[in-house]
């Protein structure tokens, strides 16, 4: 049930197409995300995975098709109308997008201060709780520049959660971090889903992450959805490119992705 008593998908793409000039990035893409579900959008780089997230946030508008977010058709929404949606749906950017001049704790407190209904003591308690949840509590007073890429990402997740969203979008959460950190971030995203019943969309080219997190997987190739379903269904897929992707990934196991 949605916040206004709606059932049905929390997010849905209905035959969404998007081009940049002559470059067709999404070609009649359809998939949906049920409340409380984690859907991974998988594929090689440059296949419109991040562009899909930009559509969910309303930063981009489709050339054709409809985009449903938080049970609302946002396709024609203005920036003002999108503000309400962005209170429910928050995005964790690849670079963390943290404020460099604020400490880790202040970064996480930032969305809480916008609520105006919390005392300073409550804010500090929530910040500590969130930093503990993502495993970086002892870094509260450091600046982002003191942190590794993976730690920055953990802090960015804590800050996203501070906004009390219904849905979190993750853009390549394990890219450019070492394999151990990638595993920790994957475990974290999985745990948050269980604890907070968040709806999540994870854009990744990391097959193991998708396998760990996804209730269902959207496999994008050359702007089209080649496969949409569970990981076990994906393993059974007759689609040669999907099989090739699965096999390639097995070969990559020896290297750090």
Protein backbone atom coordinates (compact mmCIF):
# COMPACT_ATOMS: atom_id res chain seq x y z
CA UNK A 1 0.00 0.00 0.00
CA UNK A 2 1.31 3.41 -0.88
CA UNK A 3 1.16 6.39 1.45
CA UNK A 4 -2.13 7.39 -0.13
CA UNK A 5 -3.55 3.91 0.05
CA UNK A 6 -2.39 2.90 -3.41
CA UNK A 7 -1.36 -0.57 -4.37
CA UNK A 8 0.72 -1.46 -7.40
CA UNK A 9 4.34 -0.75 -8.20
CA UNK A 10 6.24 1.96 -6.35
CA UNK A 11 8.22 2.72 -9.51
CA UNK A 12 7.27 1.81 -13.05
CA UNK A 13 8.75 2.53 -16.46
CA UNK A 14 6.17 2.12 -19.22
CA UNK A 15 7.88 1.88 -22.61
CA UNK A 16 10.28 4.70 -21.79
CA UNK A 17 12.49 5.95 -24.63
CA UNK A 18 15.24 8.56 -24.40
CA UNK A 19 17.75 9.83 -26.95
CA UNK A 20 20.58 12.33 -26.72
CA UNK A 21 20.93 13.57 -30.26
CA UNK A 22 21.31 10.46 -32.43
CA UNK A 23 22.24 8.31 -29.46
CA UNK A 24 19.27 6.18 -28.35
CA UNK A 25 19.94 5.37 -24.68
CA UNK A 26 16.60 3.87 -23.61
CA UNK A 27 14.45 2.09 -26.19
CA UNK A 28 10.93 1.32 -24.96
CA UNK A 29 12.20 0.27 -21.55
CA UNK A 30 9.59 -1.26 -19.23
CA UNK A 31 10.04 -2.61 -15.70
CA UNK A 32 8.55 -2.04 -12.27
CA UNK A 33 9.64 -2.00 -8.63
CA UNK A 34 7.23 -3.21 -5.96
CA UNK A 35 7.22 -1.45 -2.55
CA UNK A 36 9.93 -2.95 -0.32
CA UNK A 37 11.67 -4.64 -3.24
CA UNK A 38 15.27 -4.23 -4.43
CA UNK A 39 15.63 -4.13 -8.20
CA UNK A 40 19.09 -4.07 -9.77
CA UNK A 41 19.60 -2.46 -13.17
CA UNK A 42 22.47 -4.38 -14.69
CA UNK A 43 24.52 -4.06 -17.85
CA UNK A 44 27.81 -2.81 -19.23
CA UNK A 45 28.68 0.84 -18.76
CA UNK A 46 27.02 3.33 -21.04
CA UNK A 47 23.77 1.41 -21.51
CA UNK A 48 21.42 3.86 -19.88
CA UNK A 49 21.57 2.48 -16.35
CA UNK A 50 22.30 5.82 -14.70
CA UNK A 51 19.97 7.56 -17.17
CA UNK A 52 17.18 5.41 -15.72
CA UNK A 53 17.92 6.77 -12.24
CA UNK A 54 17.91 10.33 -13.57
CA UNK A 55 14.39 9.69 -14.91
CA UNK A 56 13.23 8.37 -11.53
CA UNK A 57 14.54 11.55 -9.88
CA UNK A 58 12.92 13.68 -12.59
CA UNK A 59 16.26 15.21 -13.63
CA UNK A 60 15.55 13.86 -17.12
CA UNK A 61 12.22 13.51 -18.93
CA UNK A 62 11.46 10.68 -21.35
CA UNK A 63 10.98 11.36 -25.07
CA UNK A 64 8.19 8.77 -25.00
CA UNK A 65 6.56 6.53 -22.41
CA UNK A 66 5.54 7.16 -18.81
CA UNK A 67 7.47 7.17 -15.54
CA UNK A 68 5.66 6.32 -12.30
CA UNK A 69 7.43 7.11 -9.01
CA UNK A 70 5.99 6.82 -5.48
CA UNK A 71 2.76 5.64 -7.16
CA UNK A 72 2.47 8.93 -9.10
CA UNK A 73 2.88 9.55 -12.82
CA UNK A 74 5.73 12.10 -12.73
CA UNK A 75 6.31 12.23 -16.49
CA UNK A 76 4.98 15.78 -16.83
CA UNK A 77 5.76 17.01 -13.32
CA UNK A 78 7.32 20.44 -12.84
CA UNK A 79 10.37 20.97 -10.60
CA UNK A 80 8.00 22.14 -7.84
CA UNK A 81 5.95 18.96 -8.08
CA UNK A 82 9.14 16.87 -8.09
CA UNK A 83 10.15 18.31 -4.71
CA UNK A 84 7.47 16.26 -2.98
CA UNK A 85 8.67 13.13 -4.78
CA UNK A 86 12.31 13.80 -3.88
CA UNK A 87 11.36 13.85 -0.21
CA UNK A 88 10.31 10.22 -0.58
CA UNK A 89 13.00 9.07 -3.02
CA UNK A 90 16.65 9.85 -2.46
CA UNK A 91 19.75 9.04 -4.46
CA UNK A 92 23.24 7.98 -3.36
CA UNK A 93 25.61 9.33 -6.00
CA UNK A 94 28.79 7.55 -7.07
CA UNK A 95 31.03 10.31 -5.76
CA UNK A 96 29.07 10.53 -2.50
CA UNK A 97 28.31 14.20 -3.25
CA UNK A 98 29.21 15.08 0.35
CA UNK A 99 29.82 18.64 1.51
CA UNK A 100 33.61 18.88 1.74
CA UNK A 101 33.61 21.60 4.38
CA UNK A 102 31.30 19.74 6.78
CA UNK A 103 32.37 16.89 9.04
CA UNK A 104 30.94 13.43 8.48
CA UNK A 105 28.49 13.97 11.34
CA UNK A 106 27.37 17.35 10.00
CA UNK A 107 26.89 15.86 6.53
CA UNK A 108 24.51 13.26 7.93
CA UNK A 109 22.78 15.85 10.14
CA UNK A 110 22.12 18.09 7.13
CA UNK A 111 18.81 16.50 6.01
CA UNK A 112 17.72 16.22 9.67
CA UNK A 113 18.19 19.95 10.25
CA UNK A 114 15.78 20.65 7.40
CA UNK A 115 13.01 18.93 9.37
CA UNK A 116 13.03 21.71 11.99
CA UNK A 117 11.07 19.47 14.37
CA UNK A 118 14.09 17.83 16.00
CA UNK A 119 16.14 19.08 18.94
CA UNK A 120 19.92 19.20 18.65
CA UNK A 121 20.16 16.26 21.05
CA UNK A 122 17.76 14.18 18.93
CA UNK A 123 19.74 15.05 15.80
CA UNK A 124 23.01 13.92 17.37
CA UNK A 125 21.42 10.67 18.54
CA UNK A 126 20.03 9.93 15.08
CA UNK A 127 23.36 10.81 13.42
CA UNK A 128 25.23 8.46 15.76
CA UNK A 129 22.68 5.74 15.12
CA UNK A 130 22.95 6.10 11.36
CA UNK A 131 26.76 6.22 11.37
CA UNK A 132 26.81 3.12 13.54
CA UNK A 133 24.35 1.43 11.18
CA UNK A 134 26.66 2.01 8.21
CA UNK A 135 29.80 1.18 10.20
CA UNK A 136 31.57 4.55 10.33
CA UNK A 137 30.61 5.88 13.77
CA UNK A 138 34.22 6.55 14.79
CA UNK A 139 34.60 8.90 11.80
CA UNK A 140 31.95 11.37 12.88
CA UNK A 141 34.33 14.30 13.31
CA UNK A 142 36.48 13.71 10.23
CA UNK A 143 36.11 15.60 6.96
CA UNK A 144 35.14 13.73 3.77
CA UNK A 145 38.65 14.35 2.41
CA UNK A 146 40.00 12.13 5.22
CA UNK A 147 37.93 9.15 4.02
CA UNK A 148 38.44 6.44 1.42
CA UNK A 149 36.00 6.21 -1.49
CA UNK A 150 34.17 3.33 0.16
CA UNK A 151 33.85 5.12 3.49
CA UNK A 152 32.56 8.22 1.71
CA UNK A 153 29.92 6.06 0.11
CA UNK A 154 28.89 4.64 3.49
CA UNK A 155 28.52 8.19 4.81
CA UNK A 156 26.51 9.17 1.72
CA UNK A 157 24.17 6.24 2.43
CA UNK A 158 23.78 7.39 6.05
CA UNK A 159 22.97 10.90 4.85
CA UNK A 160 20.43 9.58 2.35
CA UNK A 161 18.74 7.60 5.14
CA UNK A 162 18.65 10.67 7.40
CA UNK A 163 16.07 12.14 5.02
CA UNK A 164 13.76 9.24 6.02
CA UNK A 165 13.04 8.20 2.45
CA UNK A 166 10.69 5.46 1.28
CA UNK A 167 13.06 4.57 -1.55
CA UNK A 168 16.82 4.82 -2.10
CA UNK A 169 18.53 4.79 -5.49
CA UNK A 170 22.16 3.64 -5.59
CA UNK A 171 24.34 4.56 -8.58
CA UNK A 172 27.16 2.00 -9.01
CA UNK A 173 27.73 1.66 -5.24
CA UNK A 174 30.71 -0.71 -5.59
CA UNK A 175 32.55 0.94 -8.45
CA UNK A 176 36.10 2.14 -7.70
CA UNK A 177 36.26 0.52 -4.26
CA UNK A 178 38.33 -2.51 -3.29
CA UNK A 179 36.63 -5.93 -3.26
CA UNK A 180 36.36 -6.10 0.54
CA UNK A 181 34.70 -2.68 0.71
CA UNK A 182 32.42 -3.68 -2.17
CA UNK A 183 31.32 -6.66 -0.11
CA UNK A 184 30.73 -4.50 2.98
CA UNK A 185 28.66 -2.00 0.99
CA UNK A 186 26.62 -4.84 -0.50
CA UNK A 187 25.99 -6.30 2.97
CA UNK A 188 25.03 -2.85 4.23
CA UNK A 189 22.50 -2.21 1.46
CA UNK A 190 21.01 -5.63 2.08
CA UNK A 191 20.76 -5.07 5.83
CA UNK A 192 19.16 -1.65 5.44
CA UNK A 193 16.49 -3.13 3.20
CA UNK A 194 15.63 -5.72 5.84
CA UNK A 195 15.68 -3.28 8.76
CA UNK A 196 13.95 -0.32 7.14
CA UNK A 197 11.77 -2.07 4.51
CA UNK A 198 13.14 0.36 1.95
CA UNK A 199 12.32 0.15 -1.71
CA UNK A 200 15.65 0.25 -3.58
CA UNK A 201 16.99 0.52 -7.10
CA UNK A 202 20.66 -0.37 -7.54
CA UNK A 203 22.45 0.46 -10.77
CA UNK A 204 25.50 -1.74 -11.18
CA UNK A 205 27.64 -3.74 -13.57
CA UNK A 206 28.71 -5.93 -10.63
CA UNK A 207 27.04 -9.30 -11.08
CA UNK A 208 27.89 -10.49 -7.58
CA UNK A 209 26.30 -7.42 -6.05
CA UNK A 210 23.16 -7.99 -8.11
CA UNK A 211 23.10 -11.62 -7.06
CA UNK A 212 23.36 -10.63 -3.39
CA UNK A 213 20.80 -7.83 -3.40
CA UNK A 214 18.31 -8.17 -6.18
CA UNK A 215 14.77 -9.44 -5.77
CA UNK A 216 14.63 -8.87 -9.53
CA UNK A 217 17.12 -7.78 -12.17
CA UNK A 218 16.65 -5.54 -15.21
CA UNK A 219 19.33 -6.39 -17.78
CA UNK A 220 19.89 -3.53 -20.23
CA UNK A 221 21.73 -4.00 -23.50
CA UNK A 222 21.87 -1.55 -26.41
CA UNK A 223 19.09 0.57 -24.88
CA UNK A 224 16.66 -2.36 -24.53
CA UNK A 225 15.57 -4.58 -21.66
CA UNK A 226 16.89 -8.02 -22.60
CA UNK A 227 15.77 -9.64 -19.38
CA UNK A 228 13.65 -8.74 -16.34
CA UNK A 229 13.20 -11.25 -13.53
CA UNK A 230 14.92 -12.99 -10.63
CA UNK A 231 18.57 -14.06 -10.59
CA UNK A 232 17.73 -17.78 -10.89
CA UNK A 233 15.52 -16.95 -13.89
CA UNK A 234 18.40 -14.95 -15.35
CA UNK A 235 20.68 -17.99 -15.11
CA UNK A 236 18.08 -19.91 -17.12
CA UNK A 237 17.69 -17.13 -19.71
CA UNK A 238 18.04 -18.23 -23.33
CA UNK A 239 19.35 -14.79 -24.27
CA UNK A 240 22.97 -15.28 -25.51
CA UNK A 241 24.13 -11.84 -24.34
CA UNK A 242 22.80 -12.49 -20.84
CA UNK A 243 24.62 -15.84 -20.73
CA UNK A 244 27.79 -14.19 -22.00
CA UNK A 245 27.54 -11.57 -19.24
CA UNK A 246 27.13 -14.29 -16.59
CA UNK A 247 30.10 -16.24 -17.96
CA UNK A 248 32.33 -13.18 -18.29
CA UNK A 249 31.62 -12.38 -14.71
CA UNK A 250 32.75 -15.82 -13.58
CA UNK A 251 36.06 -15.15 -15.34
CA UNK A 252 36.40 -11.82 -13.55
CA UNK A 253 36.29 -13.47 -10.14
CA UNK A 254 40.07 -13.50 -9.92
CA UNK A 255 40.38 -9.78 -10.49
CA UNK A 256 39.15 -6.89 -8.41
CA UNK A 257 36.27 -5.38 -10.36
